[in-house]
Amino acid sequence: TTATYLNMGVMLVILAIIILISDVITKKILISAFERFAHKS
């Protein structure tokens, strides 16, 4: 039982980290791409 709950907690933390990192990276890539395109258009 304890191992099951701890497993879920760790997986939840890892998922949160993945979400945070992917959000930051995606924002930087998209915003940078839009800014470069806006500068040229």
PDB file of all heavy atoms in Angstrom:
ATOM      1  N   THR A   1       0.839  -1.218   0.000  1.00  0.00           N
ATOM      2  CA  THR A   1       0.000   0.000   0.000  1.00  0.00           C
ATOM      3  C   THR A   1       0.858   1.247   0.000  1.00  0.00           C
ATOM      4  O   THR A   1       0.648   2.192  -0.779  1.00  0.00           O
ATOM      5  CB  THR A   1      -0.942   0.010   1.218  1.00  0.00           C
ATOM      6  OG1 THR A   1      -1.727  -1.173   1.221  1.00  0.00           O
ATOM      7  CG2 THR A   1      -1.826   1.234   1.195  1.00  0.00           C
ATOM      8  N   THR A   2       1.851   1.269   0.912  1.00  0.00           N
ATOM      9  CA  THR A   2       2.746   2.431   0.993  1.00  0.00           C
ATOM     10  C   THR A   2       3.516   2.604  -0.309  1.00  0.00           C
ATOM     11  O   THR A   2       3.666   3.724  -0.823  1.00  0.00           O
ATOM     12  CB  THR A   2       3.730   2.275   2.174  1.00  0.00           C
ATOM     13  OG1 THR A   2       3.002   2.068   3.372  1.00  0.00           O
ATOM     14  CG2 THR A   2       4.604   3.495   2.302  1.00  0.00           C
ATOM     15  N   ALA A   3       4.022   1.490  -0.850  1.00  0.00           N
ATOM     16  CA  ALA A   3       4.781   1.567  -2.102  1.00  0.00           C
ATOM     17  C   ALA A   3       3.908   2.086  -3.240  1.00  0.00           C
ATOM     18  O   ALA A   3       4.369   2.841  -4.104  1.00  0.00           O
ATOM     19  CB  ALA A   3       5.341   0.184  -2.458  1.00  0.00           C
ATOM     20  N   THR A   4       2.627   1.696  -3.246  1.00  0.00           N
ATOM     21  CA  THR A   4       1.702   2.161  -4.296  1.00  0.00           C
ATOM     22  C   THR A   4       1.500   3.669  -4.218  1.00  0.00           C
ATOM     23  O   THR A   4       1.552   4.373  -5.238  1.00  0.00           O
ATOM     24  CB  THR A   4       0.348   1.444  -4.165  1.00  0.00           C
ATOM     25  OG1 THR A   4       0.548   0.034  -4.271  1.00  0.00           O
ATOM     26  CG2 THR A   4      -0.616   1.903  -5.251  1.00  0.00           C
ATOM     27  N   TYR A   5       1.255   4.186  -3.019  1.00  0.00           N
ATOM     28  CA  TYR A   5       1.043   5.634  -2.856  1.00  0.00           C
ATOM     29  C   TYR A   5       2.320   6.421  -3.140  1.00  0.00           C
ATOM     30  O   TYR A   5       2.287   7.492  -3.764  1.00  0.00           O
ATOM     31  CB  TYR A   5       0.535   5.945  -1.448  1.00  0.00           C
ATOM     32  CG  TYR A   5      -0.955   5.728  -1.294  1.00  0.00           C
ATOM     33  CD1 TYR A   5      -1.445   4.575  -0.697  1.00  0.00           C
ATOM     34  CD2 TYR A   5      -1.859   6.661  -1.762  1.00  0.00           C
ATOM     35  CE1 TYR A   5      -2.806   4.356  -0.561  1.00  0.00           C
ATOM     36  CE2 TYR A   5      -3.229   6.462  -1.631  1.00  0.00           C
ATOM     37  CZ  TYR A   5      -3.700   5.307  -1.034  1.00  0.00           C
ATOM     38  OH  TYR A   5      -5.058   5.096  -0.916  1.00  0.00           O
ATOM     39  N   LEU A   6       3.461   5.898  -2.658  1.00  0.00           N
ATOM     40  CA  LEU A   6       4.726   6.583  -2.935  1.00  0.00           C
ATOM     41  C   LEU A   6       5.037   6.575  -4.426  1.00  0.00           C
ATOM     42  O   LEU A   6       5.544   7.559  -4.973  1.00  0.00           O
ATOM     43  CB  LEU A   6       5.858   5.894  -2.155  1.00  0.00           C
ATOM     44  CG  LEU A   6       5.881   6.126  -0.641  1.00  0.00           C
ATOM     45  CD1 LEU A   6       6.972   5.284   0.017  1.00  0.00           C
ATOM     46  CD2 LEU A   6       6.086   7.607  -0.324  1.00  0.00           C
ATOM     47  N   ASN A   7       4.734   5.490  -5.091  1.00  0.00           N
ATOM     48  CA  ASN A   7       4.942   5.399  -6.541  1.00  0.00           C
ATOM     49  C   ASN A   7       4.111   6.461  -7.272  1.00  0.00           C
ATOM     50  O   ASN A   7       4.601   7.153  -8.170  1.00  0.00           O
ATOM     51  CB  ASN A   7       4.569   4.001  -7.038  1.00  0.00           C
ATOM     52  CG  ASN A   7       4.752   3.866  -8.541  1.00  0.00           C
ATOM     53  OD1 ASN A   7       5.869   3.808  -9.025  1.00  0.00           O
ATOM     54  ND2 ASN A   7       3.649   3.805  -9.263  1.00  0.00           N
ATOM     55  N   MET A   8       2.833   6.579  -6.874  1.00  0.00           N
ATOM     56  CA  MET A   8       1.975   7.596  -7.495  1.00  0.00           C
ATOM     57  C   MET A   8       2.501   8.998  -7.221  1.00  0.00           C
ATOM     58  O   MET A   8       2.526   9.862  -8.103  1.00  0.00           O
ATOM     59  CB  MET A   8       0.545   7.479  -6.969  1.00  0.00           C
ATOM     60  CG  MET A   8      -0.426   8.444  -7.636  1.00  0.00           C
ATOM     61  SD  MET A   8      -2.013   8.579  -6.800  1.00  0.00           S
ATOM     62  CE  MET A   8      -1.544   9.418  -5.291  1.00  0.00           C
ATOM     63  N   GLY A   9       2.958   9.273  -5.978  1.00  0.00           N
ATOM     64  CA  GLY A   9       3.460  10.589  -5.624  1.00  0.00           C
ATOM     65  C   GLY A   9       4.682  10.959  -6.431  1.00  0.00           C
ATOM     66  O   GLY A   9       4.794  12.092  -6.942  1.00  0.00           O
ATOM     67  N   VAL A  10       5.621  10.003  -6.556  1.00  0.00           N
ATOM     68  CA  VAL A  10       6.848  10.278  -7.323  1.00  0.00           C
ATOM     69  C   VAL A  10       6.505  10.501  -8.792  1.00  0.00           C
ATOM     70  O   VAL A  10       7.026  11.427  -9.428  1.00  0.00           O
ATOM     71  CB  VAL A  10       7.853   9.107  -7.164  1.00  0.00           C
ATOM     72  CG1 VAL A  10       9.042   9.302  -8.110  1.00  0.00           C
ATOM     73  CG2 VAL A  10       8.331   9.002  -5.734  1.00  0.00           C
ATOM     74  N   MET A  11       5.632   9.661  -9.357  1.00  0.00           N
ATOM     75  CA  MET A  11       5.233   9.813 -10.752  1.00  0.00           C
ATOM     76  C   MET A  11       4.524  11.152 -10.982  1.00  0.00           C
ATOM     77  O   MET A  11       4.690  11.809 -12.016  1.00  0.00           O
ATOM     78  CB  MET A  11       4.311   8.656 -11.157  1.00  0.00           C
ATOM     79  CG  MET A  11       4.990   7.296 -11.159  1.00  0.00           C
ATOM     80  SD  MET A  11       6.257   7.146 -12.423  1.00  0.00           S
ATOM     81  CE  MET A  11       5.257   7.087 -13.888  1.00  0.00           C
ATOM     82  N   LEU A  12       3.767  11.561  -9.981  1.00  0.00           N
ATOM     83  CA  LEU A  12       3.056  12.853 -10.082  1.00  0.00           C
ATOM     84  C   LEU A  12       4.047  14.004 -10.087  1.00  0.00           C
ATOM     85  O   LEU A  12       3.897  14.970 -10.855  1.00  0.00           O
ATOM     86  CB  LEU A  12       2.079  12.988  -8.915  1.00  0.00           C
ATOM     87  CG  LEU A  12       0.958  14.026  -9.057  1.00  0.00           C
ATOM     88  CD1 LEU A  12       0.097  13.721 -10.277  1.00  0.00           C
ATOM     89  CD2 LEU A  12       0.092  14.054  -7.805  1.00  0.00           C
ATOM     90  N   VAL A  13       5.080  13.923  -9.243  1.00  0.00           N
ATOM     91  CA  VAL A  13       6.114  14.962  -9.212  1.00  0.00           C
ATOM     92  C   VAL A  13       6.861  14.998 -10.537  1.00  0.00           C
ATOM     93  O   VAL A  13       7.142  16.077 -11.085  1.00  0.00           O
ATOM     94  CB  VAL A  13       7.085  14.712  -8.038  1.00  0.00           C
ATOM     95  CG1 VAL A  13       8.289  15.650  -8.134  1.00  0.00           C
ATOM     96  CG2 VAL A  13       6.380  14.891  -6.708  1.00  0.00           C
ATOM     97  N   ILE A  14       7.203  13.819 -11.053  1.00  0.00           N
ATOM     98  CA  ILE A  14       7.918  13.765 -12.337  1.00  0.00           C
ATOM     99  C   ILE A  14       7.064  14.353 -13.456  1.00  0.00           C
ATOM    100  O   ILE A  14       7.553  15.107 -14.305  1.00  0.00           O
ATOM    101  CB  ILE A  14       8.297  12.296 -12.666  1.00  0.00           C
ATOM    102  CG1 ILE A  14       9.353  11.798 -11.675  1.00  0.00           C
ATOM    103  CG2 ILE A  14       8.824  12.183 -14.091  1.00  0.00           C
ATOM    104  CD1 ILE A  14       9.681  10.324 -11.813  1.00  0.00           C
ATOM    105  N   LEU A  15       5.748  14.022 -13.449  1.00  0.00           N
ATOM    106  CA  LEU A  15       4.844  14.575 -14.464  1.00  0.00           C
ATOM    107  C   LEU A  15       4.780  16.096 -14.361  1.00  0.00           C
ATOM    108  O   LEU A  15       4.787  16.801 -15.381  1.00  0.00           O
ATOM    109  CB  LEU A  15       3.451  13.969 -14.300  1.00  0.00           C
ATOM    110  CG  LEU A  15       2.377  14.480 -15.274  1.00  0.00           C
ATOM    111  CD1 LEU A  15       2.770  14.205 -16.716  1.00  0.00           C
ATOM    112  CD2 LEU A  15       1.011  13.857 -14.955  1.00  0.00           C
ATOM    113  N   ALA A  16       4.730  16.608 -13.127  1.00  0.00           N
ATOM    114  CA  ALA A  16       4.687  18.055 -12.932  1.00  0.00           C
ATOM    115  C   ALA A  16       5.960  18.719 -13.464  1.00  0.00           C
ATOM    116  O   ALA A  16       5.910  19.786 -14.089  1.00  0.00           O
ATOM    117  CB  ALA A  16       4.496  18.374 -11.451  1.00  0.00           C
ATOM    118  N   ILE A  17       7.110  18.078 -13.224  1.00  0.00           N
ATOM    119  CA  ILE A  17       8.380  18.616 -13.721  1.00  0.00           C
ATOM    120  C   ILE A  17       8.402  18.612 -15.252  1.00  0.00           C
ATOM    121  O   ILE A  17       8.824  19.584 -15.892  1.00  0.00           O
ATOM    122  CB  ILE A  17       9.562  17.810 -13.145  1.00  0.00           C
ATOM    123  CG1 ILE A  17       9.656  18.027 -11.633  1.00  0.00           C
ATOM    124  CG2 ILE A  17      10.864  18.224 -13.820  1.00  0.00           C
ATOM    125  CD1 ILE A  17      10.669  17.132 -10.943  1.00  0.00           C
ATOM    126  N   ILE A  18       7.931  17.494 -15.832  1.00  0.00           N
ATOM    127  CA  ILE A  18       7.882  17.411 -17.296  1.00  0.00           C
ATOM    128  C   ILE A  18       6.973  18.492 -17.876  1.00  0.00           C
ATOM    129  O   ILE A  18       7.299  19.146 -18.878  1.00  0.00           O
ATOM    130  CB  ILE A  18       7.398  16.001 -17.730  1.00  0.00           C
ATOM    131  CG1 ILE A  18       8.435  14.948 -17.356  1.00  0.00           C
ATOM    132  CG2 ILE A  18       7.120  15.974 -19.232  1.00  0.00           C
ATOM    133  CD1 ILE A  18       7.967  13.528 -17.600  1.00  0.00           C
ATOM    134  N   ILE A  19       5.833  18.701 -17.240  1.00  0.00           N
ATOM    135  CA  ILE A  19       4.885  19.733 -17.703  1.00  0.00           C
ATOM    136  C   ILE A  19       5.524  21.112 -17.628  1.00  0.00           C
ATOM    137  O   ILE A  19       5.437  21.917 -18.579  1.00  0.00           O
ATOM    138  CB  ILE A  19       3.590  19.682 -16.862  1.00  0.00           C
ATOM    139  CG1 ILE A  19       2.817  18.400 -17.146  1.00  0.00           C
ATOM    140  CG2 ILE A  19       2.720  20.904 -17.142  1.00  0.00           C
ATOM    141  CD1 ILE A  19       1.649  18.177 -16.214  1.00  0.00           C
ATOM    142  N   LEU A  20       6.179  21.391 -16.504  1.00  0.00           N
ATOM    143  CA  LEU A  20       6.801  22.699 -16.315  1.00  0.00           C
ATOM    144  C   LEU A  20       7.907  22.939 -17.336  1.00  0.00           C
ATOM    145  O   LEU A  20       7.967  24.008 -17.961  1.00  0.00           O
ATOM    146  CB  LEU A  20       7.355  22.802 -14.891  1.00  0.00           C
ATOM    147  CG  LEU A  20       8.025  24.129 -14.512  1.00  0.00           C
ATOM    148  CD1 LEU A  20       7.019  25.277 -14.620  1.00  0.00           C
ATOM    149  CD2 LEU A  20       8.606  24.061 -13.115  1.00  0.00           C
ATOM    150  N   ILE A  21       8.778  21.952 -17.515  1.00  0.00           N
ATOM    151  CA  ILE A  21       9.891  22.106 -18.457  1.00  0.00           C
ATOM    152  C   ILE A  21       9.372  22.254 -19.893  1.00  0.00           C
ATOM    153  O   ILE A  21       9.820  23.117 -20.652  1.00  0.00           O
ATOM    154  CB  ILE A  21      10.848  20.904 -18.351  1.00  0.00           C
ATOM    155  CG1 ILE A  21      11.555  20.904 -16.992  1.00  0.00           C
ATOM    156  CG2 ILE A  21      11.881  20.935 -19.480  1.00  0.00           C
ATOM    157  CD1 ILE A  21      12.394  19.674 -16.734  1.00  0.00           C
ATOM    158  N   SER A  22       8.408  21.413 -20.258  1.00  0.00           N
ATOM    159  CA  SER A  22       7.861  21.487 -21.625  1.00  0.00           C
ATOM    160  C   SER A  22       7.167  22.821 -21.873  1.00  0.00           C
ATOM    161  O   SER A  22       7.246  23.372 -22.978  1.00  0.00           O
ATOM    162  CB  SER A  22       6.887  20.333 -21.860  1.00  0.00           C
ATOM    163  OG  SER A  22       5.771  20.423 -20.985  1.00  0.00           O
ATOM    164  N   ASP A  23       6.500  23.334 -20.836  1.00  0.00           N
ATOM    165  CA  ASP A  23       5.814  24.624 -20.979  1.00  0.00           C
ATOM    166  C   ASP A  23       6.822  25.751 -21.197  1.00  0.00           C
ATOM    167  O   ASP A  23       6.643  26.592 -22.090  1.00  0.00           O
ATOM    168  CB  ASP A  23       4.973  24.899 -19.737  1.00  0.00           C
ATOM    169  CG  ASP A  23       4.110  26.146 -19.882  1.00  0.00           C
ATOM    170  OD1 ASP A  23       3.276  26.180 -20.796  1.00  0.00           O
ATOM    171  OD2 ASP A  23       4.288  27.091 -19.084  1.00  0.00           O
ATOM    172  N   VAL A  24       7.897  25.762 -20.411  1.00  0.00           N
ATOM    173  CA  VAL A  24       8.918  26.811 -20.530  1.00  0.00           C
ATOM    174  C   VAL A  24       9.605  26.741 -21.886  1.00  0.00           C
ATOM    175  O   VAL A  24       9.777  27.756 -22.582  1.00  0.00           O
ATOM    176  CB  VAL A  24       9.950  26.682 -19.388  1.00  0.00           C
ATOM    177  CG1 VAL A  24      11.123  27.648 -19.632  1.00  0.00           C
ATOM    178  CG2 VAL A  24       9.298  26.969 -18.046  1.00  0.00           C
ATOM    179  N   ILE A  25      10.005  25.529 -22.297  1.00  0.00           N
ATOM    180  CA  ILE A  25      10.710  25.361 -23.574  1.00  0.00           C
ATOM    181  C   ILE A  25       9.812  25.746 -24.751  1.00  0.00           C
ATOM    182  O   ILE A  25      10.230  26.457 -25.667  1.00  0.00           O
ATOM    183  CB  ILE A  25      11.211  23.903 -23.728  1.00  0.00           C
ATOM    184  CG1 ILE A  25      12.298  23.611 -22.685  1.00  0.00           C
ATOM    185  CG2 ILE A  25      11.753  23.675 -25.139  1.00  0.00           C
ATOM    186  CD1 ILE A  25      12.744  22.169 -22.662  1.00  0.00           C
ATOM    187  N   THR A  26       8.574  25.267 -24.713  1.00  0.00           N
ATOM    188  CA  THR A  26       7.639  25.568 -25.811  1.00  0.00           C
ATOM    189  C   THR A  26       7.373  27.069 -25.915  1.00  0.00           C
ATOM    190  O   THR A  26       7.315  27.624 -27.020  1.00  0.00           O
ATOM    191  CB  THR A  26       6.305  24.820 -25.609  1.00  0.00           C
ATOM    192  OG1 THR A  26       6.559  23.447 -25.379  1.00  0.00           O
ATOM    193  CG2 THR A  26       5.420  24.974 -26.828  1.00  0.00           C
ATOM    194  N   LYS A  27       7.202  27.733 -24.759  1.00  0.00           N
ATOM    195  CA  LYS A  27       6.964  29.180 -24.779  1.00  0.00           C
ATOM    196  C   LYS A  27       8.141  29.924 -25.390  1.00  0.00           C
ATOM    197  O   LYS A  27       7.972  30.820 -26.208  1.00  0.00           O
ATOM    198  CB  LYS A  27       6.684  29.691 -23.357  1.00  0.00           C
ATOM    199  CG  LYS A  27       5.227  29.550 -22.935  1.00  0.00           C
ATOM    200  CD  LYS A  27       4.886  30.367 -21.717  1.00  0.00           C
ATOM    201  CE  LYS A  27       5.563  29.820 -20.480  1.00  0.00           C
ATOM    202  NZ  LYS A  27       5.087  30.477 -19.249  1.00  0.00           N
ATOM    203  N   LYS A  28       9.352  29.542 -24.984  1.00  0.00           N
ATOM    204  CA  LYS A  28      10.535  30.219 -25.517  1.00  0.00           C
ATOM    205  C   LYS A  28      10.654  30.023 -27.022  1.00  0.00           C
ATOM    206  O   LYS A  28      10.952  30.958 -27.766  1.00  0.00           O
ATOM    207  CB  LYS A  28      11.787  29.698 -24.810  1.00  0.00           C
ATOM    208  CG  LYS A  28      11.971  30.240 -23.403  1.00  0.00           C
ATOM    209  CD  LYS A  28      13.301  29.814 -22.811  1.00  0.00           C
ATOM    210  CE  LYS A  28      13.500  30.442 -21.426  1.00  0.00           C
ATOM    211  NZ  LYS A  28      14.800  30.051 -20.831  1.00  0.00           N
ATOM    212  N   ILE A  29      10.422  28.778 -27.474  1.00  0.00           N
ATOM    213  CA  ILE A  29      10.537  28.491 -28.910  1.00  0.00           C
ATOM    214  C   ILE A  29       9.485  29.248 -29.712  1.00  0.00           C
ATOM    215  O   ILE A  29       9.787  29.902 -30.713  1.00  0.00           O
ATOM    216  CB  ILE A  29      10.405  26.967 -29.158  1.00  0.00           C
ATOM    217  CG1 ILE A  29      11.607  26.237 -28.565  1.00  0.00           C
ATOM    218  CG2 ILE A  29      10.288  26.679 -30.656  1.00  0.00           C
ATOM    219  CD1 ILE A  29      11.479  24.726 -28.615  1.00  0.00           C
ATOM    220  N   LEU A  30       8.215  29.187 -29.262  1.00  0.00           N
ATOM    221  CA  LEU A  30       7.124  29.845 -29.997  1.00  0.00           C
ATOM    222  C   LEU A  30       7.262  31.362 -29.993  1.00  0.00           C
ATOM    223  O   LEU A  30       7.132  32.004 -31.039  1.00  0.00           O
ATOM    224  CB  LEU A  30       5.774  29.438 -29.401  1.00  0.00           C
ATOM    225  CG  LEU A  30       5.164  28.131 -29.898  1.00  0.00           C
ATOM    226  CD1 LEU A  30       3.866  27.837 -29.174  1.00  0.00           C
ATOM    227  CD2 LEU A  30       4.931  28.173 -31.399  1.00  0.00           C
ATOM    228  N   ILE A  31       7.519  31.931 -28.809  1.00  0.00           N
ATOM    229  CA  ILE A  31       7.633  33.389 -28.714  1.00  0.00           C
ATOM    230  C   ILE A  31       8.805  33.889 -29.540  1.00  0.00           C
ATOM    231  O   ILE A  31       8.712  34.900 -30.253  1.00  0.00           O
ATOM    232  CB  ILE A  31       7.759  33.825 -27.241  1.00  0.00           C
ATOM    233  CG1 ILE A  31       6.454  33.545 -26.491  1.00  0.00           C
ATOM    234  CG2 ILE A  31       8.110  35.312 -27.143  1.00  0.00           C
ATOM    235  CD1 ILE A  31       6.524  33.802 -25.007  1.00  0.00           C
ATOM    236  N   SER A  32       9.945  33.173 -29.468  1.00  0.00           N
ATOM    237  CA  SER A  32      11.121  33.558 -30.250  1.00  0.00           C
ATOM    238  C   SER A  32      10.833  33.481 -31.742  1.00  0.00           C
ATOM    239  O   SER A  32      11.202  34.373 -32.516  1.00  0.00           O
ATOM    240  CB  SER A  32      12.297  32.660 -29.884  1.00  0.00           C
ATOM    241  OG  SER A  32      13.418  32.971 -30.662  1.00  0.00           O
ATOM    242  N   ALA A  33      10.149  32.406 -32.164  1.00  0.00           N
ATOM    243  CA  ALA A  33       9.815  32.246 -33.592  1.00  0.00           C
ATOM    244  C   ALA A  33       8.865  33.343 -34.055  1.00  0.00           C
ATOM    245  O   ALA A  33       9.042  33.915 -35.138  1.00  0.00           O
ATOM    246  CB  ALA A  33       9.194  30.867 -33.817  1.00  0.00           C
ATOM    247  N   PHE A  34       7.868  33.656 -33.245  1.00  0.00           N
ATOM    248  CA  PHE A  34       6.911  34.715 -33.600  1.00  0.00           C
ATOM    249  C   PHE A  34       7.603  36.075 -33.666  1.00  0.00           C
ATOM    250  O   PHE A  34       7.308  36.881 -34.553  1.00  0.00           O
ATOM    251  CB  PHE A  34       5.762  34.753 -32.585  1.00  0.00           C
ATOM    252  CG  PHE A  34       4.579  33.928 -32.984  1.00  0.00           C
ATOM    253  CD1 PHE A  34       4.522  32.570 -32.695  1.00  0.00           C
ATOM    254  CD2 PHE A  34       3.524  34.495 -33.669  1.00  0.00           C
ATOM    255  CE1 PHE A  34       3.442  31.801 -33.061  1.00  0.00           C
ATOM    256  CE2 PHE A  34       2.424  33.741 -34.037  1.00  0.00           C
ATOM    257  CZ  PHE A  34       2.380  32.375 -33.739  1.00  0.00           C
ATOM    258  N   GLU A  35       8.503  36.339 -32.721  1.00  0.00           N
ATOM    259  CA  GLU A  35       9.203  37.624 -32.712  1.00  0.00           C
ATOM    260  C   GLU A  35      10.097  37.787 -33.929  1.00  0.00           C
ATOM    261  O   GLU A  35      10.174  38.871 -34.515  1.00  0.00           O
ATOM    262  CB  GLU A  35      10.008  37.771 -31.422  1.00  0.00           C
ATOM    263  CG  GLU A  35       9.139  38.034 -30.186  1.00  0.00           C
ATOM    264  CD  GLU A  35       9.958  38.120 -28.909  1.00  0.00           C
ATOM    265  OE1 GLU A  35      11.152  37.726 -28.944  1.00  0.00           O
ATOM    266  OE2 GLU A  35       9.402  38.568 -27.883  1.00  0.00           O
ATOM    267  N   ARG A  36      10.781  36.704 -34.333  1.00  0.00           N
ATOM    268  CA  ARG A  36      11.620  36.784 -35.531  1.00  0.00           C
ATOM    269  C   ARG A  36      10.774  37.008 -36.776  1.00  0.00           C
ATOM    270  O   ARG A  36      11.121  37.809 -37.647  1.00  0.00           O
ATOM    271  CB  ARG A  36      12.434  35.487 -35.682  1.00  0.00           C
ATOM    272  CG  ARG A  36      13.596  35.368 -34.705  1.00  0.00           C
ATOM    273  CD  ARG A  36      14.597  34.323 -35.176  1.00  0.00           C
ATOM    274  NE  ARG A  36      13.970  33.017 -35.334  1.00  0.00           N
ATOM    275  CZ  ARG A  36      13.905  32.105 -34.371  1.00  0.00           C
ATOM    276  NH1 ARG A  36      14.416  32.367 -33.169  1.00  0.00           N
ATOM    277  NH2 ARG A  36      13.323  30.932 -34.590  1.00  0.00           N
ATOM    278  N   PHE A  37       9.655  36.299 -36.830  1.00  0.00           N
ATOM    279  CA  PHE A  37       8.768  36.459 -37.984  1.00  0.00           C
ATOM    280  C   PHE A  37       8.167  37.868 -38.020  1.00  0.00           C
ATOM    281  O   PHE A  37       8.048  38.481 -39.079  1.00  0.00           O
ATOM    282  CB  PHE A  37       7.663  35.409 -37.931  1.00  0.00           C
ATOM    283  CG  PHE A  37       6.728  35.450 -39.096  1.00  0.00           C
ATOM    284  CD1 PHE A  37       7.091  34.927 -40.327  1.00  0.00           C
ATOM    285  CD2 PHE A  37       5.467  36.031 -38.973  1.00  0.00           C
ATOM    286  CE1 PHE A  37       6.234  34.977 -41.410  1.00  0.00           C
ATOM    287  CE2 PHE A  37       4.599  36.080 -40.051  1.00  0.00           C
ATOM    288  CZ  PHE A  37       4.984  35.544 -41.277  1.00  0.00           C
ATOM    289  N   ALA A  38       7.773  38.377 -36.844  1.00  0.00           N
ATOM    290  CA  ALA A  38       7.178  39.718 -36.768  1.00  0.00           C
ATOM    291  C   ALA A  38       8.186  40.785 -37.167  1.00  0.00           C
ATOM    292  O   ALA A  38       7.825  41.811 -37.776  1.00  0.00           O
ATOM    293  CB  ALA A  38       6.674  39.976 -35.349  1.00  0.00           C
ATOM    294  N   HIS A  39       9.444  40.565 -36.828  1.00  0.00           N
ATOM    295  CA  HIS A  39      10.491  41.541 -37.172  1.00  0.00           C
ATOM    296  C   HIS A  39      10.698  41.626 -38.681  1.00  0.00           C
ATOM    297  O   HIS A  39      10.999  42.700 -39.214  1.00  0.00           O
ATOM    298  CB  HIS A  39      11.801  41.151 -36.485  1.00  0.00           C
ATOM    299  CG  HIS A  39      12.909  42.120 -36.721  1.00  0.00           C
ATOM    300  ND1 HIS A  39      12.920  43.401 -36.186  1.00  0.00           N
ATOM    301  CD2 HIS A  39      14.051  41.998 -37.469  1.00  0.00           C
ATOM    302  CE1 HIS A  39      14.010  44.028 -36.583  1.00  0.00           C
ATOM    303  NE2 HIS A  39      14.720  43.199 -37.363  1.00  0.00           N
ATOM    304  N   LYS A  40      10.508  40.486 -39.367  1.00  0.00           N
ATOM    305  CA  LYS A  40      10.739  40.463 -40.810  1.00  0.00           C
ATOM    306  C   LYS A  40       9.507  40.873 -41.610  1.00  0.00           C
ATOM    307  O   LYS A  40       9.626  41.384 -42.715  1.00  0.00           O
ATOM    308  CB  LYS A  40      11.170  39.053 -41.230  1.00  0.00           C
ATOM    309  CG  LYS A  40      12.537  38.628 -40.677  1.00  0.00           C
ATOM    310  CD  LYS A  40      12.874  37.214 -41.110  1.00  0.00           C
ATOM    311  CE  LYS A  40      14.224  36.778 -40.543  1.00  0.00           C
ATOM    312  NZ  LYS A  40      14.568  35.380 -40.926  1.00  0.00           N
ATOM    313  N   SER A  41       8.333  40.615 -41.078  1.00  0.00           N
ATOM    314  CA  SER A  41       7.101  40.895 -41.830  1.00  0.00           C
ATOM    315  C   SER A  41       6.764  42.380 -41.818  1.00  0.00           C
ATOM    316  O   SER A  41       7.168  43.125 -40.936  1.00  0.00           O
ATOM    317  CB  SER A  41       5.933  40.094 -41.255  1.00  0.00           C
ATOM    318  OG  SER A  41       5.610  40.565 -39.968  1.00  0.00           O
TER     319      SER A  41
END
